[in-house]
Amino acid sequence: MENKILAEGFEAYPLPWVIGQNLFFLIYFGIGFAGMIQLKIRGIPAVSLLYAIFLLVMLVFVLRKHLCTNCYYYGKLCSTGWGKLSALLFDKNSGNYTLGLKLATITWGLATLLPILGISAALLINFSVTNLILLFLFLILTPLNFLIHRQSCRKCKMRLICPGSLAKGENLEGS
């Protein structure tokens, strides 16, 4: 990755940007978690717990190993701060970037789809206004998540070469 030409962009993202991004994720995933709490197995909110464990393992460890260790922002503040996190956990270039891209697609797909299906199932099993509101909020925040991602990509030095960039075709030089 480092041999390729990088775009103009943040050398390191501003700390308020990083904090805001992570607060958004906590709220977004927290709504998904809360909305699925009613889906219990033997009194345990199994679906919510599995969702949280899945997100923790994939977002904090697996994707940091396979994506962030190969990124320009390894050891730096990227839009989420995960470049710094990956440097604390893993050696540079120690992950399989191609595998990471595939796992990221699966992870983000499930992170989005599971709450929509789970909260909908909870509503069918036992309708509540609270869960209806949580589903509505999750559905509203889902496109917002992609808009925030795109805005982050617009300031990223790797946007022209990153397969996950949502600002790849945009001419942003000098903007």
Protein backbone atom coordinates (compact mmCIF):
# COMPACT_ATOMS: atom_id res chain seq x y z
CA MET A 1 0.00 0.00 0.00
CA GLU A 2 2.73 2.50 0.86
CA ASN A 3 4.30 2.33 -2.62
CA LYS A 4 1.18 3.87 -4.17
CA ILE A 5 0.48 7.57 -4.55
CA LEU A 6 -1.41 9.09 -1.66
CA ALA A 7 -4.00 11.84 -1.96
CA GLU A 8 -3.98 15.14 -0.12
CA GLY A 9 -5.62 14.69 3.23
CA PHE A 10 -5.20 14.78 6.96
CA GLU A 11 -1.83 13.65 8.21
CA ALA A 12 -3.71 12.86 11.41
CA TYR A 13 -7.41 13.45 12.02
CA PRO A 14 -8.38 16.03 14.67
CA LEU A 15 -9.12 14.48 18.07
CA PRO A 16 -12.70 15.89 18.19
CA TRP A 17 -13.38 14.12 14.85
CA VAL A 18 -12.10 10.82 16.27
CA ILE A 19 -14.09 11.18 19.49
CA GLY A 20 -17.24 12.12 17.55
CA GLN A 21 -16.88 9.11 15.24
CA ASN A 22 -16.53 6.72 18.16
CA LEU A 23 -19.43 8.30 20.06
CA PHE A 24 -21.56 7.85 16.97
CA PHE A 25 -20.60 4.15 16.80
CA LEU A 26 -21.41 3.67 20.50
CA ILE A 27 -24.84 5.24 20.02
CA TYR A 28 -25.51 3.41 16.74
CA PHE A 29 -24.51 -0.03 17.98
CA GLY A 30 -26.01 0.69 21.41
CA ILE A 31 -29.40 1.28 19.80
CA GLY A 32 -29.07 -2.02 17.94
CA PHE A 33 -28.07 -3.79 21.16
CA ALA A 34 -30.93 -2.25 23.18
CA GLY A 35 -33.51 -3.03 20.53
CA MET A 36 -32.67 -6.74 20.54
CA ILE A 37 -32.60 -7.18 24.33
CA GLN A 38 -36.11 -8.67 24.32
CA LEU A 39 -34.86 -11.60 22.23
CA LYS A 40 -33.98 -13.89 25.10
CA ILE A 41 -32.96 -17.50 25.46
CA ARG A 42 -33.63 -18.83 28.95
CA GLY A 43 -33.91 -15.29 30.25
CA ILE A 44 -30.58 -14.17 28.77
CA PRO A 45 -30.56 -11.45 26.09
CA ALA A 46 -28.52 -13.80 23.89
CA VAL A 47 -28.93 -11.98 20.58
CA SER A 48 -27.80 -8.65 22.03
CA LEU A 49 -24.87 -10.23 23.82
CA LEU A 50 -23.74 -12.14 20.72
CA TYR A 51 -24.06 -8.94 18.69
CA ALA A 52 -21.88 -7.02 21.17
CA ILE A 53 -19.27 -9.80 21.33
CA PHE A 54 -19.21 -10.06 17.54
CA LEU A 55 -18.70 -6.28 17.18
CA LEU A 56 -16.00 -6.20 19.84
CA VAL A 57 -14.02 -9.07 18.34
CA MET A 58 -14.35 -7.94 14.72
CA LEU A 59 -14.01 -4.16 15.13
CA VAL A 60 -11.37 -4.09 17.85
CA PHE A 61 -9.22 -7.06 16.94
CA VAL A 62 -9.80 -8.89 13.65
CA LEU A 63 -10.27 -5.89 11.35
CA ARG A 64 -7.58 -3.88 13.12
CA LYS A 65 -5.12 -6.72 12.43
CA HIS A 66 -6.02 -7.25 8.80
CA LEU A 67 -6.85 -3.72 7.66
CA CYS A 68 -5.17 -1.16 9.90
CA THR A 69 -1.74 -2.79 10.02
CA ASN A 70 -1.54 -2.21 6.25
CA CYS A 71 -2.82 1.38 6.30
CA TYR A 72 -1.02 4.72 5.98
CA TYR A 73 -2.61 5.68 9.32
CA TYR A 74 -1.08 2.75 11.22
CA GLY A 75 0.13 4.28 14.47
CA LYS A 76 -1.62 7.58 13.66
CA LEU A 77 -5.01 9.11 14.35
CA CYS A 78 -7.25 8.07 11.48
CA SER A 79 -10.92 9.10 11.49
CA THR A 80 -11.70 6.52 14.17
CA GLY A 81 -8.36 6.35 15.96
CA TRP A 82 -8.13 2.68 15.08
CA GLY A 83 -4.73 3.20 13.42
CA LYS A 84 -3.34 4.00 16.89
CA LEU A 85 -5.18 1.03 18.40
CA SER A 86 -3.82 -1.38 15.80
CA ALA A 87 -0.26 -0.19 16.47
CA LEU A 88 -0.73 -1.03 20.16
CA LEU A 89 -1.99 -4.53 19.34
CA PHE A 90 -0.21 -5.68 16.17
CA ASP A 91 2.99 -5.31 14.13
CA LYS A 92 2.92 -3.24 10.95
CA ASN A 93 1.89 -5.20 7.81
CA SER A 94 1.11 -8.29 9.92
CA GLY A 95 -2.43 -8.71 8.60
CA ASN A 96 -3.85 -10.03 5.35
CA TYR A 97 -5.38 -6.96 3.67
CA THR A 98 -7.42 -8.93 1.12
CA LEU A 99 -8.94 -11.05 3.89
CA GLY A 100 -9.58 -7.89 5.91
CA LEU A 101 -11.56 -6.33 3.07
CA LYS A 102 -13.78 -9.41 2.80
CA LEU A 103 -14.26 -9.57 6.57
CA ALA A 104 -15.05 -5.85 6.72
CA THR A 105 -17.83 -6.27 4.16
CA ILE A 106 -19.32 -9.15 6.17
CA THR A 107 -18.85 -7.37 9.51
CA TRP A 108 -20.48 -4.09 8.47
CA GLY A 109 -23.26 -5.94 6.67
CA LEU A 110 -24.10 -7.97 9.77
CA ALA A 111 -23.59 -4.98 12.10
CA THR A 112 -26.30 -3.20 10.13
CA LEU A 113 -28.64 -6.03 9.14
CA LEU A 114 -28.82 -7.93 12.45
CA PRO A 115 -30.36 -5.06 14.46
CA ILE A 116 -32.88 -4.31 11.72
CA LEU A 117 -33.99 -7.96 11.65
CA GLY A 118 -33.62 -8.43 15.42
CA ILE A 119 -35.57 -5.34 16.43
CA SER A 120 -38.24 -6.17 13.84
CA ALA A 121 -38.52 -9.69 15.31
CA ALA A 122 -38.76 -8.25 18.82
CA LEU A 123 -41.57 -5.99 17.64
CA LEU A 124 -43.45 -8.95 16.16
CA ILE A 125 -43.00 -11.03 19.32
CA ASN A 126 -43.95 -8.31 21.77
CA PHE A 127 -44.80 -4.90 20.31
CA SER A 128 -43.49 -1.92 22.24
CA VAL A 129 -43.31 1.75 21.37
CA THR A 130 -39.75 1.78 22.73
CA ASN A 131 -38.60 -0.82 20.22
CA LEU A 132 -40.46 0.92 17.43
CA ILE A 133 -38.55 4.11 18.28
CA LEU A 134 -35.26 2.17 18.47
CA LEU A 135 -35.89 0.62 15.06
CA PHE A 136 -36.75 4.03 13.62
CA LEU A 137 -33.58 5.56 15.11
CA PHE A 138 -31.40 2.72 13.83
CA LEU A 139 -32.90 3.07 10.36
CA ILE A 140 -32.28 6.84 10.42
CA LEU A 141 -28.69 6.44 11.66
CA THR A 142 -27.77 3.78 9.07
CA PRO A 143 -27.53 6.14 6.07
CA LEU A 144 -25.98 8.75 8.38
CA ASN A 145 -23.25 6.19 9.15
CA PHE A 146 -22.45 5.97 5.44
CA LEU A 147 -22.48 9.77 5.06
CA ILE A 148 -20.07 10.12 8.00
CA HIS A 149 -17.85 7.41 6.48
CA ARG A 150 -17.86 9.26 3.15
CA GLN A 151 -16.94 12.53 4.85
CA SER A 152 -14.06 10.78 6.62
CA CYS A 153 -12.90 9.33 3.29
CA ARG A 154 -12.82 12.79 1.76
CA LYS A 155 -10.03 13.77 4.17
CA CYS A 156 -8.14 10.46 3.96
CA LYS A 157 -4.73 10.23 2.29
CA MET A 158 -5.58 6.71 1.07
CA ARG A 159 -8.94 7.54 -0.54
CA LEU A 160 -7.65 7.02 -4.08
CA ILE A 161 -6.21 3.55 -3.41
CA CYS A 162 -8.41 2.17 -0.61
CA PRO A 163 -11.04 -0.28 -1.87
CA GLY A 164 -13.30 0.79 1.02
CA SER A 165 -13.18 4.49 0.16
CA LEU A 166 -16.51 6.19 -0.44
CA ALA A 167 -14.78 9.22 -1.99
CA LYS A 168 -12.64 7.44 -4.56
CA GLY A 169 -13.88 9.08 -7.74
CA GLU A 170 -14.17 12.58 -6.32
CA ASN A 171 -11.73 15.30 -7.30
CA LEU A 172 -11.10 16.85 -3.90
CA GLU A 173 -7.63 18.31 -4.39
CA GLY A 174 -7.56 21.88 -3.13
CA SER A 175 -11.03 21.68 -1.57
